[in-house]
Amino acid sequence: MQTQWFKTSEAARLCGVSSYWLKGNRDISGGFLVVDKHWIPGITPTSPIRWNVALVLEAMRYHGMNRIKGDQLLEAVQ
């Protein structure tokens, strides 16, 4: 199956997050969304960033589950 890449506004809508959240979670901003895997930059500075929504959602699930597990561990030691 061919990978689908979406502009930021559409990817944000499909992921249920804001465009600001997506951009803020790129690896170049200290986040967990990796260039060439989760997102690709545009050719020019004004070209749209493209997002692999399926992989972004997978990363969100992974990091969300890690947060839940961490919360459970903290609760267990308190």
PDB file of N, CA and C in Angstrom:
ATOM      1  N   MET A   1       0.832  -1.178   0.000  1.00  0.00           N
ATOM      2  CA  MET A   1       0.000   0.000   0.000  1.00  0.00           C
ATOM      3  C   MET A   1       0.883   1.250   0.000  1.00  0.00           C
ATOM      4  N   GLN A   2       0.500   2.233  -0.766  1.00  0.00           N
ATOM      5  CA  GLN A   2       1.263   3.464  -0.874  1.00  0.00           C
ATOM      6  C   GLN A   2       0.988   4.369   0.328  1.00  0.00           C
ATOM      7  N   THR A   3       2.037   4.997   0.849  1.00  0.00           N
ATOM      8  CA  THR A   3       1.906   5.915   1.974  1.00  0.00           C
ATOM      9  C   THR A   3       1.199   7.178   1.527  1.00  0.00           C
ATOM     10  N   GLN A   4       0.260   7.653   2.351  1.00  0.00           N
ATOM     11  CA  GLN A   4      -0.421   8.910   2.064  1.00  0.00           C
ATOM     12  C   GLN A   4       0.160  10.007   2.942  1.00  0.00           C
ATOM     13  N   TRP A   5       0.461  11.133   2.331  1.00  0.00           N
ATOM     14  CA  TRP A   5       0.999  12.288   3.032  1.00  0.00           C
ATOM     15  C   TRP A   5      -0.019  13.417   2.947  1.00  0.00           C
ATOM     16  N   PHE A   6      -0.319  14.029   4.098  1.00  0.00           N
ATOM     17  CA  PHE A   6      -1.335  15.073   4.174  1.00  0.00           C
ATOM     18  C   PHE A   6      -0.713  16.394   4.615  1.00  0.00           C
ATOM     19  N   LYS A   7      -1.274  17.500   4.121  1.00  0.00           N
ATOM     20  CA  LYS A   7      -0.866  18.819   4.592  1.00  0.00           C
ATOM     21  C   LYS A   7      -1.182  18.936   6.083  1.00  0.00           C
ATOM     22  N   THR A   8      -0.516  19.861   6.750  1.00  0.00           N
ATOM     23  CA  THR A   8      -0.637  20.006   8.200  1.00  0.00           C
ATOM     24  C   THR A   8      -2.078  20.163   8.661  1.00  0.00           C
ATOM     25  N   SER A   9      -2.850  21.024   8.028  1.00  0.00           N
ATOM     26  CA  SER A   9      -4.223  21.267   8.488  1.00  0.00           C
ATOM     27  C   SER A   9      -5.077  20.009   8.408  1.00  0.00           C
ATOM     28  N   GLU A  10      -4.939  19.254   7.338  1.00  0.00           N
ATOM     29  CA  GLU A  10      -5.713  18.018   7.174  1.00  0.00           C
ATOM     30  C   GLU A  10      -5.218  16.938   8.138  1.00  0.00           C
ATOM     31  N   ALA A  11      -3.908  16.825   8.292  1.00  0.00           N
ATOM     32  CA  ALA A  11      -3.345  15.839   9.220  1.00  0.00           C
ATOM     33  C   ALA A  11      -3.794  16.133  10.648  1.00  0.00           C
ATOM     34  N   ALA A  12      -3.787  17.391  11.026  1.00  0.00           N
ATOM     35  CA  ALA A  12      -4.227  17.772  12.375  1.00  0.00           C
ATOM     36  C   ALA A  12      -5.682  17.375  12.589  1.00  0.00           C
ATOM     37  N   ARG A  13      -6.526  17.639  11.615  1.00  0.00           N
ATOM     38  CA  ARG A  13      -7.942  17.277  11.725  1.00  0.00           C
ATOM     39  C   ARG A  13      -8.099  15.765  11.860  1.00  0.00           C
ATOM     40  N   LEU A  14      -7.387  15.009  11.046  1.00  0.00           N
ATOM     41  CA  LEU A  14      -7.487  13.548  11.076  1.00  0.00           C
ATOM     42  C   LEU A  14      -6.957  12.955  12.385  1.00  0.00           C
ATOM     43  N   CYS A  15      -5.969  13.613  12.980  1.00  0.00           N
ATOM     44  CA  CYS A  15      -5.382  13.127  14.238  1.00  0.00           C
ATOM     45  C   CYS A  15      -6.102  13.664  15.474  1.00  0.00           C
ATOM     46  N   GLY A  16      -6.964  14.642  15.281  1.00  0.00           N
ATOM     47  CA  GLY A  16      -7.685  15.218  16.413  1.00  0.00           C
ATOM     48  C   GLY A  16      -6.835  16.127  17.288  1.00  0.00           C
ATOM     49  N   VAL A  17      -5.849  16.767  16.680  1.00  0.00           N
ATOM     50  CA  VAL A  17      -4.969  17.692  17.397  1.00  0.00           C
ATOM     51  C   VAL A  17      -4.867  18.985  16.585  1.00  0.00           C
ATOM     52  N   SER A  18      -4.195  19.972  17.142  1.00  0.00           N
ATOM     53  CA  SER A  18      -4.017  21.226  16.416  1.00  0.00           C
ATOM     54  C   SER A  18      -2.780  21.172  15.517  1.00  0.00           C
ATOM     55  N   SER A  19      -2.753  22.052  14.547  1.00  0.00           N
ATOM     56  CA  SER A  19      -1.565  22.190  13.696  1.00  0.00           C
ATOM     57  C   SER A  19      -0.363  22.578  14.546  1.00  0.00           C
ATOM     58  N   TYR A  20      -0.597  23.436  15.534  1.00  0.00           N
ATOM     59  CA  TYR A  20       0.461  23.868  16.449  1.00  0.00           C
ATOM     60  C   TYR A  20       1.041  22.669  17.195  1.00  0.00           C
ATOM     61  N   TRP A  21       0.172  21.751  17.644  1.00  0.00           N
ATOM     62  CA  TRP A  21       0.630  20.560  18.371  1.00  0.00           C
ATOM     63  C   TRP A  21       1.514  19.698  17.466  1.00  0.00           C
ATOM     64  N   LEU A  22       1.066  19.466  16.228  1.00  0.00           N
ATOM     65  CA  LEU A  22       1.866  18.658  15.299  1.00  0.00           C
ATOM     66  C   LEU A  22       3.250  19.266  15.100  1.00  0.00           C
ATOM     67  N   LYS A  23       3.282  20.541  14.767  1.00  0.00           N
ATOM     68  CA  LYS A  23       4.561  21.195  14.498  1.00  0.00           C
ATOM     69  C   LYS A  23       5.446  21.222  15.737  1.00  0.00           C
ATOM     70  N   GLY A  24       4.844  21.388  16.899  1.00  0.00           N
ATOM     71  CA  GLY A  24       5.600  21.438  18.146  1.00  0.00           C
ATOM     72  C   GLY A  24       6.177  20.099  18.571  1.00  0.00           C
ATOM     73  N   ASN A  25       5.648  19.011  18.030  1.00  0.00           N
ATOM     74  CA  ASN A  25       6.123  17.676  18.390  1.00  0.00           C
ATOM     75  C   ASN A  25       7.039  17.060  17.336  1.00  0.00           C
ATOM     76  N   ARG A  26       7.513  17.888  16.383  1.00  0.00           N
ATOM     77  CA  ARG A  26       8.524  17.410  15.438  1.00  0.00           C
ATOM     78  C   ARG A  26       9.859  17.264  16.161  1.00  0.00           C
ATOM     79  N   ASP A  27      10.693  16.376  15.681  1.00  0.00           N
ATOM     80  CA  ASP A  27      12.005  16.161  16.293  1.00  0.00           C
ATOM     81  C   ASP A  27      12.843  17.436  16.323  1.00  0.00           C
ATOM     82  N   ILE A  28      12.714  18.294  15.336  1.00  0.00           N
ATOM     83  CA  ILE A  28      13.499  19.531  15.322  1.00  0.00           C
ATOM     84  C   ILE A  28      13.023  20.522  16.378  1.00  0.00           C
ATOM     85  N   SER A  29      11.869  20.249  16.990  1.00  0.00           N
ATOM     86  CA  SER A  29      11.346  21.080  18.079  1.00  0.00           C
ATOM     87  C   SER A  29      11.439  20.352  19.416  1.00  0.00           C
ATOM     88  N   GLY A  30      12.181  19.240  19.450  1.00  0.00           N
ATOM     89  CA  GLY A  30      12.335  18.475  20.679  1.00  0.00           C
ATOM     90  C   GLY A  30      11.268  17.422  20.892  1.00  0.00           C
ATOM     91  N   GLY A  31      10.459  17.172  19.872  1.00  0.00           N
ATOM     92  CA  GLY A  31       9.378  16.203  19.988  1.00  0.00           C
ATOM     93  C   GLY A  31       9.740  14.821  19.480  1.00  0.00           C
ATOM     94  N   PHE A  32       8.727  13.979  19.383  1.00  0.00           N
ATOM     95  CA  PHE A  32       8.938  12.571  19.025  1.00  0.00           C
ATOM     96  C   PHE A  32       8.554  12.232  17.588  1.00  0.00           C
ATOM     97  N   LEU A  33       8.097  13.195  16.813  1.00  0.00           N
ATOM     98  CA  LEU A  33       7.730  12.940  15.416  1.00  0.00           C
ATOM     99  C   LEU A  33       8.961  13.181  14.532  1.00  0.00           C
ATOM    100  N   VAL A  34       9.404  12.135  13.869  1.00  0.00           N
ATOM    101  CA  VAL A  34      10.700  12.103  13.190  1.00  0.00           C
ATOM    102  C   VAL A  34      10.570  12.455  11.703  1.00  0.00           C
ATOM    103  N   VAL A  35      11.477  13.330  11.248  1.00  0.00           N
ATOM    104  CA  VAL A  35      11.512  13.712   9.843  1.00  0.00           C
ATOM    105  C   VAL A  35      11.741  12.471   8.975  1.00  0.00           C
ATOM    106  N   ASP A  36      11.124  12.437   7.829  1.00  0.00           N
ATOM    107  CA  ASP A  36      11.177  11.351   6.843  1.00  0.00           C
ATOM    108  C   ASP A  36      10.441  10.090   7.284  1.00  0.00           C
ATOM    109  N   LYS A  37       9.929  10.068   8.500  1.00  0.00           N
ATOM    110  CA  LYS A  37       9.090   8.963   8.954  1.00  0.00           C
ATOM    111  C   LYS A  37       7.669   9.473   9.200  1.00  0.00           C
ATOM    112  N   HIS A  38       7.542  10.450  10.084  1.00  0.00           N
ATOM    113  CA  HIS A  38       6.233  10.998  10.433  1.00  0.00           C
ATOM    114  C   HIS A  38       5.896  12.246   9.616  1.00  0.00           C
ATOM    115  N   TRP A  39       6.901  12.987   9.210  1.00  0.00           N
ATOM    116  CA  TRP A  39       6.675  14.224   8.465  1.00  0.00           C
ATOM    117  C   TRP A  39       7.818  14.471   7.487  1.00  0.00           C
ATOM    118  N   ILE A  40       7.512  15.240   6.459  1.00  0.00           N
ATOM    119  CA  ILE A  40       8.535  15.658   5.503  1.00  0.00           C
ATOM    120  C   ILE A  40       8.381  17.157   5.265  1.00  0.00           C
ATOM    121  N   PRO A  41       9.506  17.866   5.195  1.00  0.00           N
ATOM    122  CA  PRO A  41       9.429  19.305   4.959  1.00  0.00           C
ATOM    123  C   PRO A  41       9.089  19.594   3.504  1.00  0.00           C
ATOM    124  N   GLY A  42       8.620  20.809   3.277  1.00  0.00           N
ATOM    125  CA  GLY A  42       8.368  21.230   1.909  1.00  0.00           C
ATOM    126  C   GLY A  42       9.666  21.576   1.199  1.00  0.00           C
ATOM    127  N   ILE A  43       9.584  21.700  -0.103  1.00  0.00           N
ATOM    128  CA  ILE A  43      10.763  22.009  -0.916  1.00  0.00           C
ATOM    129  C   ILE A  43      11.243  23.437  -0.668  1.00  0.00           C
ATOM    130  N   THR A  44      10.308  24.356  -0.495  1.00  0.00           N
ATOM    131  CA  THR A  44      10.647  25.751  -0.229  1.00  0.00           C
ATOM    132  C   THR A  44      10.165  26.113   1.178  1.00  0.00           C
ATOM    133  N   PRO A  45      10.628  27.244   1.724  1.00  0.00           N
ATOM    134  CA  PRO A  45      10.189  27.641   3.066  1.00  0.00           C
ATOM    135  C   PRO A  45       8.672  27.832   3.197  1.00  0.00           C
ATOM    136  N   THR A  46       8.005  28.125   2.089  1.00  0.00           N
ATOM    137  CA  THR A  46       6.554  28.332   2.152  1.00  0.00           C
ATOM    138  C   THR A  46       5.747  27.109   1.720  1.00  0.00           C
ATOM    139  N   SER A  47       6.428  26.038   1.339  1.00  0.00           N
ATOM    140  CA  SER A  47       5.737  24.794   0.975  1.00  0.00           C
ATOM    141  C   SER A  47       5.183  24.141   2.238  1.00  0.00           C
ATOM    142  N   PRO A  48       4.043  23.451   2.121  1.00  0.00           N
ATOM    143  CA  PRO A  48       3.468  22.819   3.312  1.00  0.00           C
ATOM    144  C   PRO A  48       4.285  21.615   3.783  1.00  0.00           C
ATOM    145  N   ILE A  49       4.279  21.425   5.093  1.00  0.00           N
ATOM    146  CA  ILE A  49       4.828  20.200   5.674  1.00  0.00           C
ATOM    147  C   ILE A  49       3.816  19.108   5.366  1.00  0.00           C
ATOM    148  N   ARG A  50       4.287  17.907   5.078  1.00  0.00           N
ATOM    149  CA  ARG A  50       3.398  16.759   4.827  1.00  0.00           C
ATOM    150  C   ARG A  50       3.566  15.755   5.960  1.00  0.00           C
ATOM    151  N   TRP A  51       2.462  15.089   6.303  1.00  0.00           N
ATOM    152  CA  TRP A  51       2.421  14.190   7.454  1.00  0.00           C
ATOM    153  C   TRP A  51       1.904  12.821   7.072  1.00  0.00           C
ATOM    154  N   ASN A  52       2.530  11.787   7.612  1.00  0.00           N
ATOM    155  CA  ASN A  52       2.063  10.412   7.469  1.00  0.00           C
ATOM    156  C   ASN A  52       1.142  10.152   8.666  1.00  0.00           C
ATOM    157  N   VAL A  53      -0.147  10.357   8.469  1.00  0.00           N
ATOM    158  CA  VAL A  53      -1.125  10.306   9.557  1.00  0.00           C
ATOM    159  C   VAL A  53      -1.127   8.950  10.258  1.00  0.00           C
ATOM    160  N   ALA A  54      -1.038   7.868   9.512  1.00  0.00           N
ATOM    161  CA  ALA A  54      -1.058   6.536  10.132  1.00  0.00           C
ATOM    162  C   ALA A  54       0.092   6.381  11.128  1.00  0.00           C
ATOM    163  N   LEU A  55       1.289   6.823  10.752  1.00  0.00           N
ATOM    164  CA  LEU A  55       2.440   6.698  11.650  1.00  0.00           C
ATOM    165  C   LEU A  55       2.397   7.711  12.789  1.00  0.00           C
ATOM    166  N   VAL A  56       1.832   8.886  12.539  1.00  0.00           N
ATOM    167  CA  VAL A  56       1.663   9.871  13.619  1.00  0.00           C
ATOM    168  C   VAL A  56       0.724   9.309  14.683  1.00  0.00           C
ATOM    169  N   LEU A  57      -0.395   8.725  14.258  1.00  0.00           N
ATOM    170  CA  LEU A  57      -1.341   8.133  15.212  1.00  0.00           C
ATOM    171  C   LEU A  57      -0.693   6.988  15.990  1.00  0.00           C
ATOM    172  N   GLU A  58       0.109   6.189  15.317  1.00  0.00           N
ATOM    173  CA  GLU A  58       0.824   5.091  15.982  1.00  0.00           C
ATOM    174  C   GLU A  58       1.774   5.642  17.052  1.00  0.00           C
ATOM    175  N   ALA A  59       2.494   6.702  16.730  1.00  0.00           N
ATOM    176  CA  ALA A  59       3.411   7.320  17.696  1.00  0.00           C
ATOM    177  C   ALA A  59       2.645   7.931  18.865  1.00  0.00           C
ATOM    178  N   MET A  60       1.505   8.544  18.580  1.00  0.00           N
ATOM    179  CA  MET A  60       0.680   9.111  19.650  1.00  0.00           C
ATOM    180  C   MET A  60       0.201   8.014  20.596  1.00  0.00           C
ATOM    181  N   ARG A  61      -0.235   6.893  20.046  1.00  0.00           N
ATOM    182  CA  ARG A  61      -0.670   5.758  20.876  1.00  0.00           C
ATOM    183  C   ARG A  61       0.476   5.249  21.746  1.00  0.00           C
ATOM    184  N   TYR A  62       1.632   5.079  21.141  1.00  0.00           N
ATOM    185  CA  TYR A  62       2.802   4.569  21.861  1.00  0.00           C
ATOM    186  C   TYR A  62       3.158   5.480  23.038  1.00  0.00           C
ATOM    187  N   HIS A  63       3.270   6.772  22.764  1.00  0.00           N
ATOM    188  CA  HIS A  63       3.649   7.711  23.825  1.00  0.00           C
ATOM    189  C   HIS A  63       2.528   7.886  24.844  1.00  0.00           C
ATOM    190  N   GLY A  64       1.302   7.787  24.410  1.00  0.00           N
ATOM    191  CA  GLY A  64       0.172   7.838  25.338  1.00  0.00           C
ATOM    192  C   GLY A  64       0.174   6.656  26.291  1.00  0.00           C
ATOM    193  N   MET A  65       0.459   5.474  25.774  1.00  0.00           N
ATOM    194  CA  MET A  65       0.512   4.279  26.625  1.00  0.00           C
ATOM    195  C   MET A  65       1.683   4.365  27.605  1.00  0.00           C
ATOM    196  N   ASN A  66       2.813   4.909  27.174  1.00  0.00           N
ATOM    197  CA  ASN A  66       3.943   5.091  28.088  1.00  0.00           C
ATOM    198  C   ASN A  66       3.581   6.044  29.219  1.00  0.00           C
ATOM    199  N   ARG A  67       2.834   7.095  28.902  1.00  0.00           N
ATOM    200  CA  ARG A  67       2.398   8.035  29.934  1.00  0.00           C
ATOM    201  C   ARG A  67       1.487   7.342  30.935  1.00  0.00           C
ATOM    202  N   ILE A  68       0.546   6.542  30.441  1.00  0.00           N
ATOM    203  CA  ILE A  68      -0.379   5.817  31.317  1.00  0.00           C
ATOM    204  C   ILE A  68       0.384   4.855  32.219  1.00  0.00           C
ATOM    205  N   LYS A  69       1.330   4.114  31.645  1.00  0.00           N
ATOM    206  CA  LYS A  69       2.133   3.176  32.446  1.00  0.00           C
ATOM    207  C   LYS A  69       2.947   3.918  33.500  1.00  0.00           C
ATOM    208  N   GLY A  70       3.494   5.058  33.135  1.00  0.00           N
ATOM    209  CA  GLY A  70       4.246   5.870  34.094  1.00  0.00           C
ATOM    210  C   GLY A  70       3.360   6.364  35.224  1.00  0.00           C
ATOM    211  N   ASP A  71       2.154   6.810  34.885  1.00  0.00           N
ATOM    212  CA  ASP A  71       1.197   7.255  35.905  1.00  0.00           C
ATOM    213  C   ASP A  71       0.854   6.118  36.858  1.00  0.00           C
ATOM    214  N   GLN A  72       0.680   4.918  36.314  1.00  0.00           N
ATOM    215  CA  GLN A  72       0.352   3.757  37.146  1.00  0.00           C
ATOM    216  C   GLN A  72       1.504   3.408  38.086  1.00  0.00           C
ATOM    217  N   LEU A  73       2.732   3.484  37.592  1.00  0.00           N
ATOM    218  CA  LEU A  73       3.893   3.211  38.442  1.00  0.00           C
ATOM    219  C   LEU A  73       4.011   4.238  39.563  1.00  0.00           C
ATOM    220  N   LEU A  74       3.802   5.497  39.238  1.00  0.00           N
ATOM    221  CA  LEU A  74       3.858   6.539  40.264  1.00  0.00           C
ATOM    222  C   LEU A  74       2.787   6.329  41.326  1.00  0.00           C
ATOM    223  N   GLU A  75       1.614   5.970  40.888  1.00  0.00           N
ATOM    224  CA  GLU A  75       0.518   5.729  41.823  1.00  0.00           C
ATOM    225  C   GLU A  75       0.832   4.542  42.734  1.00  0.00           C
ATOM    226  N   ALA A  76       1.481   3.526  42.197  1.00  0.00           N
ATOM    227  CA  ALA A  76       1.800   2.324  42.970  1.00  0.00           C
ATOM    228  C   ALA A  76       2.837   2.594  44.062  1.00  0.00           C
ATOM    229  N   VAL A  77       3.748   3.538  43.846  1.00  0.00           N
ATOM    230  CA  VAL A  77       4.792   3.810  44.833  1.00  0.00           C
ATOM    231  C   VAL A  77       4.411   4.904  45.826  1.00  0.00           C
ATOM    232  N   GLN A  78       3.302   5.533  45.632  1.00  0.00           N
ATOM    233  CA  GLN A  78       2.878   6.612  46.550  1.00  0.00           C
ATOM    234  C   GLN A  78       2.081   6.080  47.704  1.00  0.00           C
TER     235      GLN A  78
END
